[in-house]
Amino acid sequence: MGGEDAIFNWFKSAKPVEDTMPMRERLDALERRIRHVEEDWTEVYNKFRTLQMRVAKQVQRLDANSSQEEPPGEGDGVKTTGNPSSLSPRMQRIQEQILERRRRGAQLGVGGE
């Protein structure tokens, strides 16, 4: 029976790894980690908002430019190319596709009624 007492005494004296750090220190460490995560999230969110506002302004400029490039009554599908654009060639193709879809939609709406 003496051997069993020694084993139980060893279990009682052995502390789990998580109990080696006092609770207050663990709490402080977790609070610091949460604060860092919140700061990182705020930074990422602000960057996202800035990018989203830039995209919204660019879309407004593109809409304004596309409405100025197409005088009323000239919806024959021919794109006027006179203004150099700050868009990449890929983005210019995408913009042309969007404008073409709008033209087709406008033609269908007028002819279908």
PDB file of N, CA and C in Angstrom:
ATOM      1  N   MET A   1       0.807  -1.190   0.000  1.00  0.00           N
ATOM      2  CA  MET A   1       0.000   0.000   0.000  1.00  0.00           C
ATOM      3  C   MET A   1       0.849   1.251   0.000  1.00  0.00           C
ATOM      4  N   GLY A   2       2.067   1.171   0.439  1.00  0.00           N
ATOM      5  CA  GLY A   2       2.930   2.339   0.487  1.00  0.00           C
ATOM      6  C   GLY A   2       3.220   2.873  -0.904  1.00  0.00           C
ATOM      7  N   GLY A   3       3.266   1.959  -1.903  1.00  0.00           N
ATOM      8  CA  GLY A   3       3.519   2.378  -3.283  1.00  0.00           C
ATOM      9  C   GLY A   3       2.372   3.194  -3.857  1.00  0.00           C
ATOM     10  N   GLU A   4       1.150   2.807  -3.495  1.00  0.00           N
ATOM     11  CA  GLU A   4      -0.015   3.537  -3.976  1.00  0.00           C
ATOM     12  C   GLU A   4      -0.046   4.949  -3.407  1.00  0.00           C
ATOM     13  N   ASP A   5       0.349   5.104  -2.147  1.00  0.00           N
ATOM     14  CA  ASP A   5       0.384   6.444  -1.545  1.00  0.00           C
ATOM     15  C   ASP A   5       1.389   7.334  -2.265  1.00  0.00           C
ATOM     16  N   ALA A   6       2.505   6.770  -2.667  1.00  0.00           N
ATOM     17  CA  ALA A   6       3.531   7.550  -3.368  1.00  0.00           C
ATOM     18  C   ALA A   6       3.009   8.030  -4.729  1.00  0.00           C
ATOM     19  N   ILE A   7       2.286   7.163  -5.408  1.00  0.00           N
ATOM     20  CA  ILE A   7       1.723   7.550  -6.714  1.00  0.00           C
ATOM     21  C   ILE A   7       0.703   8.670  -6.541  1.00  0.00           C
ATOM     22  N   PHE A   8      -0.170   8.524  -5.555  1.00  0.00           N
ATOM     23  CA  PHE A   8      -1.172   9.571  -5.322  1.00  0.00           C
ATOM     24  C   PHE A   8      -0.516  10.890  -4.919  1.00  0.00           C
ATOM     25  N   ASN A   9       0.537  10.812  -4.107  1.00  0.00           N
ATOM     26  CA  ASN A   9       1.255  12.031  -3.727  1.00  0.00           C
ATOM     27  C   ASN A   9       1.888  12.697  -4.945  1.00  0.00           C
ATOM     28  N   TRP A  10       2.404  11.882  -5.867  1.00  0.00           N
ATOM     29  CA  TRP A  10       3.010  12.436  -7.081  1.00  0.00           C
ATOM     30  C   TRP A  10       1.948  13.147  -7.931  1.00  0.00           C
ATOM     31  N   PHE A  11       0.761  12.530  -8.100  1.00  0.00           N
ATOM     32  CA  PHE A  11      -0.316  13.147  -8.853  1.00  0.00           C
ATOM     33  C   PHE A  11      -0.760  14.455  -8.214  1.00  0.00           C
ATOM     34  N   LYS A  12      -0.796  14.489  -6.888  1.00  0.00           N
ATOM     35  CA  LYS A  12      -1.215  15.701  -6.200  1.00  0.00           C
ATOM     36  C   LYS A  12      -0.196  16.814  -6.380  1.00  0.00           C
ATOM     37  N   SER A  13       1.082  16.480  -6.406  1.00  0.00           N
ATOM     38  CA  SER A  13       2.117  17.509  -6.529  1.00  0.00           C
ATOM     39  C   SER A  13       2.326  17.964  -7.975  1.00  0.00           C
ATOM     40  N   ALA A  14       2.009  17.118  -8.948  1.00  0.00           N
ATOM     41  CA  ALA A  14       2.187  17.483 -10.347  1.00  0.00           C
ATOM     42  C   ALA A  14       1.093  18.456 -10.766  1.00  0.00           C
ATOM     43  N   LYS A  15       1.523  19.581 -11.328  1.00  0.00           N
ATOM     44  CA  LYS A  15       0.557  20.590 -11.765  1.00  0.00           C
ATOM     45  C   LYS A  15       0.420  20.531 -13.289  1.00  0.00           C
ATOM     46  N   PRO A  16      -0.776  20.703 -13.787  1.00  0.00           N
ATOM     47  CA  PRO A  16      -0.929  20.782 -15.239  1.00  0.00           C
ATOM     48  C   PRO A  16      -0.180  21.999 -15.792  1.00  0.00           C
ATOM     49  N   VAL A  17       0.193  21.956 -17.044  1.00  0.00           N
ATOM     50  CA  VAL A  17       0.971  23.021 -17.667  1.00  0.00           C
ATOM     51  C   VAL A  17       0.236  24.353 -17.583  1.00  0.00           C
ATOM     52  N   GLU A  18      -1.060  24.358 -17.799  1.00  0.00           N
ATOM     53  CA  GLU A  18      -1.800  25.607 -17.801  1.00  0.00           C
ATOM     54  C   GLU A  18      -1.907  26.234 -16.419  1.00  0.00           C
ATOM     55  N   ASP A  19      -1.710  25.447 -15.363  1.00  0.00           N
ATOM     56  CA  ASP A  19      -1.783  25.994 -14.015  1.00  0.00           C
ATOM     57  C   ASP A  19      -0.460  26.572 -13.544  1.00  0.00           C
ATOM     58  N   THR A  20       0.602  26.432 -14.340  1.00  0.00           N
ATOM     59  CA  THR A  20       1.896  26.967 -13.917  1.00  0.00           C
ATOM     60  C   THR A  20       1.918  28.489 -13.988  1.00  0.00           C
ATOM     61  N   MET A  21       1.116  29.069 -14.828  1.00  0.00           N
ATOM     62  CA  MET A  21       1.040  30.518 -14.928  1.00  0.00           C
ATOM     63  C   MET A  21      -0.145  30.980 -14.079  1.00  0.00           C
ATOM     64  N   PRO A  22       0.057  31.939 -13.222  1.00  0.00           N
ATOM     65  CA  PRO A  22      -1.069  32.420 -12.420  1.00  0.00           C
ATOM     66  C   PRO A  22      -2.194  32.944 -13.305  1.00  0.00           C
ATOM     67  N   MET A  23      -3.390  32.856 -12.807  1.00  0.00           N
ATOM     68  CA  MET A  23      -4.576  33.222 -13.575  1.00  0.00           C
ATOM     69  C   MET A  23      -4.536  34.677 -14.035  1.00  0.00           C
ATOM     70  N   ARG A  24      -4.048  35.565 -13.214  1.00  0.00           N
ATOM     71  CA  ARG A  24      -4.019  36.986 -13.572  1.00  0.00           C
ATOM     72  C   ARG A  24      -3.124  37.217 -14.779  1.00  0.00           C
ATOM     73  N   GLU A  25      -1.963  36.539 -14.815  1.00  0.00           N
ATOM     74  CA  GLU A  25      -1.050  36.677 -15.947  1.00  0.00           C
ATOM     75  C   GLU A  25      -1.692  36.131 -17.216  1.00  0.00           C
ATOM     76  N   ARG A  26      -2.385  35.010 -17.095  1.00  0.00           N
ATOM     77  CA  ARG A  26      -3.072  34.444 -18.264  1.00  0.00           C
ATOM     78  C   ARG A  26      -4.132  35.409 -18.774  1.00  0.00           C
ATOM     79  N   LEU A  27      -4.879  35.991 -17.849  1.00  0.00           N
ATOM     80  CA  LEU A  27      -5.914  36.940 -18.233  1.00  0.00           C
ATOM     81  C   LEU A  27      -5.311  38.158 -18.919  1.00  0.00           C
ATOM     82  N   ASP A  28      -4.223  38.682 -18.378  1.00  0.00           N
ATOM     83  CA  ASP A  28      -3.551  39.830 -18.991  1.00  0.00           C
ATOM     84  C   ASP A  28      -3.043  39.489 -20.392  1.00  0.00           C
ATOM     85  N   ALA A  29      -2.473  38.303 -20.545  1.00  0.00           N
ATOM     86  CA  ALA A  29      -1.967  37.877 -21.855  1.00  0.00           C
ATOM     87  C   ALA A  29      -3.114  37.774 -22.861  1.00  0.00           C
ATOM     88  N   LEU A  30      -4.236  37.217 -22.445  1.00  0.00           N
ATOM     89  CA  LEU A  30      -5.391  37.102 -23.346  1.00  0.00           C
ATOM     90  C   LEU A  30      -5.941  38.471 -23.710  1.00  0.00           C
ATOM     91  N   GLU A  31      -5.997  39.376 -22.746  1.00  0.00           N
ATOM     92  CA  GLU A  31      -6.485  40.729 -23.034  1.00  0.00           C
ATOM     93  C   GLU A  31      -5.571  41.437 -24.027  1.00  0.00           C
ATOM     94  N   ARG A  32      -4.256  41.259 -23.890  1.00  0.00           N
ATOM     95  CA  ARG A  32      -3.322  41.862 -24.852  1.00  0.00           C
ATOM     96  C   ARG A  32      -3.540  41.292 -26.247  1.00  0.00           C
ATOM     97  N   ARG A  33      -3.735  39.976 -26.328  1.00  0.00           N
ATOM     98  CA  ARG A  33      -3.965  39.355 -27.634  1.00  0.00           C
ATOM     99  C   ARG A  33      -5.266  39.864 -28.266  1.00  0.00           C
ATOM    100  N   ILE A  34      -6.291  39.988 -27.459  1.00  0.00           N
ATOM    101  CA  ILE A  34      -7.574  40.494 -27.980  1.00  0.00           C
ATOM    102  C   ILE A  34      -7.416  41.931 -28.460  1.00  0.00           C
ATOM    103  N   ARG A  35      -6.685  42.737 -27.692  1.00  0.00           N
ATOM    104  CA  ARG A  35      -6.475  44.132 -28.079  1.00  0.00           C
ATOM    105  C   ARG A  35      -5.723  44.211 -29.415  1.00  0.00           C
ATOM    106  N   HIS A  36      -4.711  43.353 -29.596  1.00  0.00           N
ATOM    107  CA  HIS A  36      -3.968  43.334 -30.858  1.00  0.00           C
ATOM    108  C   HIS A  36      -4.863  42.899 -32.017  1.00  0.00           C
ATOM    109  N   VAL A  37      -5.690  41.926 -31.780  1.00  0.00           N
ATOM    110  CA  VAL A  37      -6.611  41.476 -32.834  1.00  0.00           C
ATOM    111  C   VAL A  37      -7.582  42.595 -33.203  1.00  0.00           C
ATOM    112  N   GLU A  38      -8.097  43.302 -32.208  1.00  0.00           N
ATOM    113  CA  GLU A  38      -9.008  44.413 -32.483  1.00  0.00           C
ATOM    114  C   GLU A  38      -8.310  45.524 -33.260  1.00  0.00           C
ATOM    115  N   GLU A  39      -7.060  45.824 -32.912  1.00  0.00           N
ATOM    116  CA  GLU A  39      -6.308  46.845 -33.641  1.00  0.00           C
ATOM    117  C   GLU A  39      -6.078  46.413 -35.084  1.00  0.00           C
ATOM    118  N   ASP A  40      -5.703  45.149 -35.275  1.00  0.00           N
ATOM    119  CA  ASP A  40      -5.498  44.635 -36.630  1.00  0.00           C
ATOM    120  C   ASP A  40      -6.791  44.702 -37.430  1.00  0.00           C
ATOM    121  N   TRP A  41      -7.896  44.317 -36.818  1.00  0.00           N
ATOM    122  CA  TRP A  41      -9.180  44.343 -37.502  1.00  0.00           C
ATOM    123  C   TRP A  41      -9.551  45.775 -37.888  1.00  0.00           C
ATOM    124  N   THR A  42      -9.331  46.721 -36.986  1.00  0.00           N
ATOM    125  CA  THR A  42      -9.646  48.120 -37.285  1.00  0.00           C
ATOM    126  C   THR A  42      -8.821  48.604 -38.472  1.00  0.00           C
ATOM    127  N   GLU A  43      -7.556  48.239 -38.506  1.00  0.00           N
ATOM    128  CA  GLU A  43      -6.688  48.642 -39.606  1.00  0.00           C
ATOM    129  C   GLU A  43      -7.164  48.034 -40.931  1.00  0.00           C
ATOM    130  N   VAL A  44      -7.474  46.750 -40.912  1.00  0.00           N
ATOM    131  CA  VAL A  44      -7.943  46.075 -42.131  1.00  0.00           C
ATOM    132  C   VAL A  44      -9.272  46.684 -42.594  1.00  0.00           C
ATOM    133  N   TYR A  45     -10.171  46.940 -41.658  1.00  0.00           N
ATOM    134  CA  TYR A  45     -11.470  47.506 -41.997  1.00  0.00           C
ATOM    135  C   TYR A  45     -11.314  48.899 -42.617  1.00  0.00           C
ATOM    136  N   ASN A  46     -10.423  49.714 -42.059  1.00  0.00           N
ATOM    137  CA  ASN A  46     -10.198  51.050 -42.616  1.00  0.00           C
ATOM    138  C   ASN A  46      -9.618  50.970 -44.022  1.00  0.00           C
ATOM    139  N   LYS A  47      -8.704  50.039 -44.250  1.00  0.00           N
ATOM    140  CA  LYS A  47      -8.154  49.857 -45.604  1.00  0.00           C
ATOM    141  C   LYS A  47      -9.254  49.430 -46.566  1.00  0.00           C
ATOM    142  N   PHE A  48     -10.113  48.525 -46.129  1.00  0.00           N
ATOM    143  CA  PHE A  48     -11.216  48.070 -46.970  1.00  0.00           C
ATOM    144  C   PHE A  48     -12.143  49.230 -47.323  1.00  0.00           C
ATOM    145  N   ARG A  49     -12.495  50.045 -46.320  1.00  0.00           N
ATOM    146  CA  ARG A  49     -13.383  51.182 -46.565  1.00  0.00           C
ATOM    147  C   ARG A  49     -12.761  52.159 -47.557  1.00  0.00           C
ATOM    148  N   THR A  50     -11.459  52.407 -47.415  1.00  0.00           N
ATOM    149  CA  THR A  50     -10.770  53.308 -48.343  1.00  0.00           C
ATOM    150  C   THR A  50     -10.828  52.756 -49.764  1.00  0.00           C
ATOM    151  N   LEU A  51     -10.529  51.469 -49.909  1.00  0.00           N
ATOM    152  CA  LEU A  51     -10.574  50.866 -51.242  1.00  0.00           C
ATOM    153  C   LEU A  51     -11.995  50.883 -51.808  1.00  0.00           C
ATOM    154  N   GLN A  52     -12.970  50.616 -50.965  1.00  0.00           N
ATOM    155  CA  GLN A  52     -14.350  50.598 -51.427  1.00  0.00           C
ATOM    156  C   GLN A  52     -14.783  51.992 -51.887  1.00  0.00           C
ATOM    157  N   MET A  53     -14.361  53.030 -51.159  1.00  0.00           N
ATOM    158  CA  MET A  53     -14.702  54.391 -51.573  1.00  0.00           C
ATOM    159  C   MET A  53     -14.022  54.748 -52.890  1.00  0.00           C
ATOM    160  N   ARG A  54     -12.772  54.303 -53.066  1.00  0.00           N
ATOM    161  CA  ARG A  54     -12.079  54.560 -54.333  1.00  0.00           C
ATOM    162  C   ARG A  54     -12.813  53.892 -55.491  1.00  0.00           C
ATOM    163  N   VAL A  55     -13.220  52.655 -55.280  1.00  0.00           N
ATOM    164  CA  VAL A  55     -13.932  51.932 -56.337  1.00  0.00           C
ATOM    165  C   VAL A  55     -15.260  52.626 -56.647  1.00  0.00           C
ATOM    166  N   ALA A  56     -15.967  53.062 -55.618  1.00  0.00           N
ATOM    167  CA  ALA A  56     -17.247  53.737 -55.834  1.00  0.00           C
ATOM    168  C   ALA A  56     -17.041  55.030 -56.626  1.00  0.00           C
ATOM    169  N   LYS A  57     -16.010  55.789 -56.300  1.00  0.00           N
ATOM    170  CA  LYS A  57     -15.728  57.021 -57.046  1.00  0.00           C
ATOM    171  C   LYS A  57     -15.363  56.710 -58.488  1.00  0.00           C
ATOM    172  N   GLN A  58     -14.571  55.647 -58.691  1.00  0.00           N
ATOM    173  CA  GLN A  58     -14.190  55.277 -60.046  1.00  0.00           C
ATOM    174  C   GLN A  58     -15.419  54.863 -60.858  1.00  0.00           C
ATOM    175  N   VAL A  59     -16.325  54.130 -60.241  1.00  0.00           N
ATOM    176  CA  VAL A  59     -17.553  53.726 -60.938  1.00  0.00           C
ATOM    177  C   VAL A  59     -18.374  54.967 -61.300  1.00  0.00           C
ATOM    178  N   GLN A  60     -18.459  55.915 -60.385  1.00  0.00           N
ATOM    179  CA  GLN A  60     -19.200  57.153 -60.685  1.00  0.00           C
ATOM    180  C   GLN A  60     -18.559  57.889 -61.849  1.00  0.00           C
ATOM    181  N   ARG A  61     -17.220  57.966 -61.842  1.00  0.00           N
ATOM    182  CA  ARG A  61     -16.536  58.647 -62.956  1.00  0.00           C
ATOM    183  C   ARG A  61     -16.782  57.914 -64.265  1.00  0.00           C
ATOM    184  N   LEU A  62     -16.717  56.572 -64.235  1.00  0.00           N
ATOM    185  CA  LEU A  62     -16.947  55.798 -65.450  1.00  0.00           C
ATOM    186  C   LEU A  62     -18.377  55.984 -65.949  1.00  0.00           C
ATOM    187  N   ASP A  63     -19.338  55.977 -65.043  1.00  0.00           N
ATOM    188  CA  ASP A  63     -20.726  56.204 -65.446  1.00  0.00           C
ATOM    189  C   ASP A  63     -20.900  57.595 -66.043  1.00  0.00           C
ATOM    190  N   ALA A  64     -20.284  58.587 -65.422  1.00  0.00           N
ATOM    191  CA  ALA A  64     -20.385  59.956 -65.932  1.00  0.00           C
ATOM    192  C   ALA A  64     -19.717  60.054 -67.302  1.00  0.00           C
ATOM    193  N   ASN A  65     -18.544  59.442 -67.450  1.00  0.00           N
ATOM    194  CA  ASN A  65     -17.844  59.485 -68.736  1.00  0.00           C
ATOM    195  C   ASN A  65     -18.610  58.730 -69.812  1.00  0.00           C
ATOM    196  N   SER A  66     -19.208  57.596 -69.461  1.00  0.00           N
ATOM    197  CA  SER A  66     -19.928  56.823 -70.476  1.00  0.00           C
ATOM    198  C   SER A  66     -21.188  57.550 -70.915  1.00  0.00           C
ATOM    199  N   SER A  67     -21.831  58.272 -70.003  1.00  0.00           N
ATOM    200  CA  SER A  67     -23.017  59.022 -70.400  1.00  0.00           C
ATOM    201  C   SER A  67     -22.635  60.246 -71.230  1.00  0.00           C
ATOM    202  N   GLN A  68     -21.456  60.797 -71.024  1.00  0.00           N
ATOM    203  CA  GLN A  68     -21.003  61.939 -71.823  1.00  0.00           C
ATOM    204  C   GLN A  68     -20.534  61.486 -73.198  1.00  0.00           C
ATOM    205  N   GLU A  69     -19.934  60.293 -73.289  1.00  0.00           N
ATOM    206  CA  GLU A  69     -19.439  59.787 -74.563  1.00  0.00           C
ATOM    207  C   GLU A  69     -20.572  59.423 -75.512  1.00  0.00           C
ATOM    208  N   GLU A  70     -21.727  59.038 -74.988  1.00  0.00           N
ATOM    209  CA  GLU A  70     -22.858  58.635 -75.816  1.00  0.00           C
ATOM    210  C   GLU A  70     -23.921  59.722 -75.806  1.00  0.00           C
ATOM    211  N   PRO A  71     -23.934  60.564 -76.824  1.00  0.00           N
ATOM    212  CA  PRO A  71     -25.007  61.555 -76.887  1.00  0.00           C
ATOM    213  C   PRO A  71     -26.340  60.849 -77.101  1.00  0.00           C
ATOM    214  N   PRO A  72     -27.434  61.427 -76.631  1.00  0.00           N
ATOM    215  CA  PRO A  72     -28.747  60.791 -76.825  1.00  0.00           C
ATOM    216  C   PRO A  72     -29.049  60.591 -78.296  1.00  0.00           C
ATOM    217  N   GLY A  73     -29.581  59.416 -78.634  1.00  0.00           N
ATOM    218  CA  GLY A  73     -29.943  59.123 -80.014  1.00  0.00           C
ATOM    219  C   GLY A  73     -28.855  58.393 -80.765  1.00  0.00           C
ATOM    220  N   GLU A  74     -27.676  58.246 -80.195  1.00  0.00           N
ATOM    221  CA  GLU A  74     -26.604  57.542 -80.879  1.00  0.00           C
ATOM    222  C   GLU A  74     -26.316  56.216 -80.185  1.00  0.00           C
ATOM    223  N   GLY A  75     -27.303  55.414 -79.998  1.00  0.00           N
ATOM    224  CA  GLY A  75     -27.138  54.109 -79.351  1.00  0.00           C
ATOM    225  C   GLY A  75     -26.984  53.002 -80.358  1.00  0.00           C
ATOM    226  N   ASP A  76     -26.180  53.226 -81.425  1.00  0.00           N
ATOM    227  CA  ASP A  76     -26.053  52.233 -82.482  1.00  0.00           C
ATOM    228  C   ASP A  76     -24.987  51.188 -82.180  1.00  0.00           C
ATOM    229  N   GLY A  77     -24.380  51.229 -81.004  1.00  0.00           N
ATOM    230  CA  GLY A  77     -23.417  50.202 -80.641  1.00  0.00           C
ATOM    231  C   GLY A  77     -21.997  50.518 -81.052  1.00  0.00           C
ATOM    232  N   VAL A  78     -21.739  51.634 -81.701  1.00  0.00           N
ATOM    233  CA  VAL A  78     -20.392  52.003 -82.103  1.00  0.00           C
ATOM    234  C   VAL A  78     -19.773  52.793 -80.966  1.00  0.00           C
ATOM    235  N   LYS A  79     -18.631  52.317 -80.509  1.00  0.00           N
ATOM    236  CA  LYS A  79     -17.976  52.978 -79.374  1.00  0.00           C
ATOM    237  C   LYS A  79     -17.050  54.054 -79.907  1.00  0.00           C
ATOM    238  N   THR A  80     -17.157  55.223 -79.322  1.00  0.00           N
ATOM    239  CA  THR A  80     -16.257  56.303 -79.705  1.00  0.00           C
ATOM    240  C   THR A  80     -14.981  56.174 -78.900  1.00  0.00           C
ATOM    241  N   THR A  81     -13.855  56.226 -79.580  1.00  0.00           N
ATOM    242  CA  THR A  81     -12.575  56.134 -78.894  1.00  0.00           C
ATOM    243  C   THR A  81     -11.816  57.415 -79.156  1.00  0.00           C
ATOM    244  N   GLY A  82     -11.884  58.318 -78.208  1.00  0.00           N
ATOM    245  CA  GLY A  82     -11.158  59.559 -78.355  1.00  0.00           C
ATOM    246  C   GLY A  82     -10.404  59.904 -77.097  1.00  0.00           C
ATOM    247  N   ASN A  83     -10.953  59.515 -75.959  1.00  0.00           N
ATOM    248  CA  ASN A  83     -10.320  59.854 -74.689  1.00  0.00           C
ATOM    249  C   ASN A  83      -9.436  58.710 -74.224  1.00  0.00           C
ATOM    250  N   PRO A  84      -8.141  59.014 -73.979  1.00  0.00           N
ATOM    251  CA  PRO A  84      -7.311  57.958 -73.397  1.00  0.00           C
ATOM    252  C   PRO A  84      -7.756  57.708 -71.962  1.00  0.00           C
ATOM    253  N   SER A  85      -7.748  56.448 -71.566  1.00  0.00           N
ATOM    254  CA  SER A  85      -8.251  56.077 -70.255  1.00  0.00           C
ATOM    255  C   SER A  85      -7.098  55.677 -69.341  1.00  0.00           C
ATOM    256  N   SER A  86      -7.305  55.870 -68.047  1.00  0.00           N
ATOM    257  CA  SER A  86      -6.300  55.455 -67.077  1.00  0.00           C
ATOM    258  C   SER A  86      -6.489  53.992 -66.701  1.00  0.00           C
ATOM    259  N   LEU A  87      -7.475  53.324 -67.326  1.00  0.00           N
ATOM    260  CA  LEU A  87      -7.739  51.917 -67.027  1.00  0.00           C
ATOM    261  C   LEU A  87      -6.768  51.024 -67.786  1.00  0.00           C
ATOM    262  N   SER A  88      -6.527  49.868 -67.236  1.00  0.00           N
ATOM    263  CA  SER A  88      -5.692  48.886 -67.920  1.00  0.00           C
ATOM    264  C   SER A  88      -6.473  48.349 -69.121  1.00  0.00           C
ATOM    265  N   PRO A  89      -5.789  47.742 -70.068  1.00  0.00           N
ATOM    266  CA  PRO A  89      -6.507  47.194 -71.232  1.00  0.00           C
ATOM    267  C   PRO A  89      -7.597  46.194 -70.833  1.00  0.00           C
ATOM    268  N   ARG A  90      -7.319  45.376 -69.831  1.00  0.00           N
ATOM    269  CA  ARG A  90      -8.323  44.405 -69.370  1.00  0.00           C
ATOM    270  C   ARG A  90      -9.549  45.119 -68.829  1.00  0.00           C
ATOM    271  N   MET A  91      -9.326  46.145 -67.995  1.00  0.00           N
ATOM    272  CA  MET A  91     -10.439  46.890 -67.422  1.00  0.00           C
ATOM    273  C   MET A  91     -11.205  47.659 -68.506  1.00  0.00           C
ATOM    274  N   GLN A  92     -10.506  48.133 -69.540  1.00  0.00           N
ATOM    275  CA  GLN A  92     -11.185  48.802 -70.653  1.00  0.00           C
ATOM    276  C   GLN A  92     -12.104  47.825 -71.375  1.00  0.00           C
ATOM    277  N   ARG A  93     -11.633  46.571 -71.591  1.00  0.00           N
ATOM    278  CA  ARG A  93     -12.488  45.568 -72.244  1.00  0.00           C
ATOM    279  C   ARG A  93     -13.722  45.283 -71.392  1.00  0.00           C
ATOM    280  N   ILE A  94     -13.516  45.171 -70.088  1.00  0.00           N
ATOM    281  CA  ILE A  94     -14.646  44.910 -69.196  1.00  0.00           C
ATOM    282  C   ILE A  94     -15.637  46.069 -69.252  1.00  0.00           C
ATOM    283  N   GLN A  95     -15.112  47.289 -69.233  1.00  0.00           N
ATOM    284  CA  GLN A  95     -15.979  48.462 -69.305  1.00  0.00           C
ATOM    285  C   GLN A  95     -16.760  48.464 -70.627  1.00  0.00           C
ATOM    286  N   GLU A  96     -16.092  48.123 -71.713  1.00  0.00           N
ATOM    287  CA  GLU A  96     -16.778  48.073 -73.009  1.00  0.00           C
ATOM    288  C   GLU A  96     -17.891  47.021 -72.990  1.00  0.00           C
ATOM    289  N   GLN A  97     -17.633  45.879 -72.364  1.00  0.00           N
ATOM    290  CA  GLN A  97     -18.656  44.841 -72.271  1.00  0.00           C
ATOM    291  C   GLN A  97     -19.851  45.325 -71.453  1.00  0.00           C
ATOM    292  N   ILE A  98     -19.584  46.020 -70.379  1.00  0.00           N
ATOM    293  CA  ILE A  98     -20.673  46.551 -69.544  1.00  0.00           C
ATOM    294  C   ILE A  98     -21.495  47.557 -70.341  1.00  0.00           C
ATOM    295  N   LEU A  99     -20.808  48.457 -71.029  1.00  0.00           N
ATOM    296  CA  LEU A  99     -21.526  49.463 -71.821  1.00  0.00           C
ATOM    297  C   LEU A  99     -22.342  48.811 -72.930  1.00  0.00           C
ATOM    298  N   GLU A 100     -21.800  47.761 -73.545  1.00  0.00           N
ATOM    299  CA  GLU A 100     -22.530  47.056 -74.604  1.00  0.00           C
ATOM    300  C   GLU A 100     -23.786  46.398 -74.040  1.00  0.00           C
ATOM    301  N   ARG A 101     -23.674  45.792 -72.863  1.00  0.00           N
ATOM    302  CA  ARG A 101     -24.861  45.194 -72.229  1.00  0.00           C
ATOM    303  C   ARG A 101     -25.902  46.256 -71.919  1.00  0.00           C
ATOM    304  N   ARG A 102     -25.461  47.413 -71.460  1.00  0.00           N
ATOM    305  CA  ARG A 102     -26.403  48.500 -71.174  1.00  0.00           C
ATOM    306  C   ARG A 102     -27.111  48.951 -72.451  1.00  0.00           C
ATOM    307  N   ARG A 103     -26.334  49.072 -73.528  1.00  0.00           N
ATOM    308  CA  ARG A 103     -26.934  49.488 -74.805  1.00  0.00           C
ATOM    309  C   ARG A 103     -27.974  48.473 -75.270  1.00  0.00           C
ATOM    310  N   ARG A 104     -27.602  47.176 -75.194  1.00  0.00           N
ATOM    311  CA  ARG A 104     -28.536  46.130 -75.601  1.00  0.00           C
ATOM    312  C   ARG A 104     -29.792  46.156 -74.734  1.00  0.00           C
ATOM    313  N   GLY A 105     -29.605  46.356 -73.427  1.00  0.00           N
ATOM    314  CA  GLY A 105     -30.752  46.425 -72.525  1.00  0.00           C
ATOM    315  C   GLY A 105     -31.638  47.602 -72.849  1.00  0.00           C
ATOM    316  N   ALA A 106     -31.046  48.728 -73.182  1.00  0.00           N
ATOM    317  CA  ALA A 106     -31.830  49.923 -73.522  1.00  0.00           C
ATOM    318  C   ALA A 106     -32.575  49.705 -74.834  1.00  0.00           C
ATOM    319  N   GLN A 107     -31.922  49.058 -75.803  1.00  0.00           N
ATOM    320  CA  GLN A 107     -32.572  48.794 -77.090  1.00  0.00           C
ATOM    321  C   GLN A 107     -33.718  47.805 -76.916  1.00  0.00           C
ATOM    322  N   LEU A 108     -33.520  46.790 -76.087  1.00  0.00           N
ATOM    323  CA  LEU A 108     -34.578  45.814 -75.860  1.00  0.00           C
ATOM    324  C   LEU A 108     -35.753  46.464 -75.147  1.00  0.00           C
ATOM    325  N   GLY A 109     -35.466  47.343 -74.206  1.00  0.00           N
ATOM    326  CA  GLY A 109     -36.544  48.013 -73.459  1.00  0.00           C
ATOM    327  C   GLY A 109     -37.370  48.913 -74.346  1.00  0.00           C
ATOM    328  N   VAL A 110     -36.754  49.598 -75.302  1.00  0.00           N
ATOM    329  CA  VAL A 110     -37.486  50.505 -76.186  1.00  0.00           C
ATOM    330  C   VAL A 110     -38.244  49.718 -77.232  1.00  0.00           C
ATOM    331  N   GLY A 111     -37.630  48.703 -77.831  1.00  0.00           N
ATOM    332  CA  GLY A 111     -38.264  47.948 -78.901  1.00  0.00           C
ATOM    333  C   GLY A 111     -39.293  46.960 -78.397  1.00  0.00           C
ATOM    334  N   GLY A 112     -39.189  46.518 -77.139  1.00  0.00           N
ATOM    335  CA  GLY A 112     -40.095  45.492 -76.621  1.00  0.00           C
ATOM    336  C   GLY A 112     -41.410  46.035 -76.139  1.00  0.00           C
ATOM    337  N   GLU A 113     -41.556  47.337 -76.031  1.00  0.00           N
ATOM    338  CA  GLU A 113     -42.805  47.886 -75.511  1.00  0.00           C
ATOM    339  C   GLU A 113     -43.808  48.145 -76.578  1.00  0.00           C
TER     340      GLU A 113
END
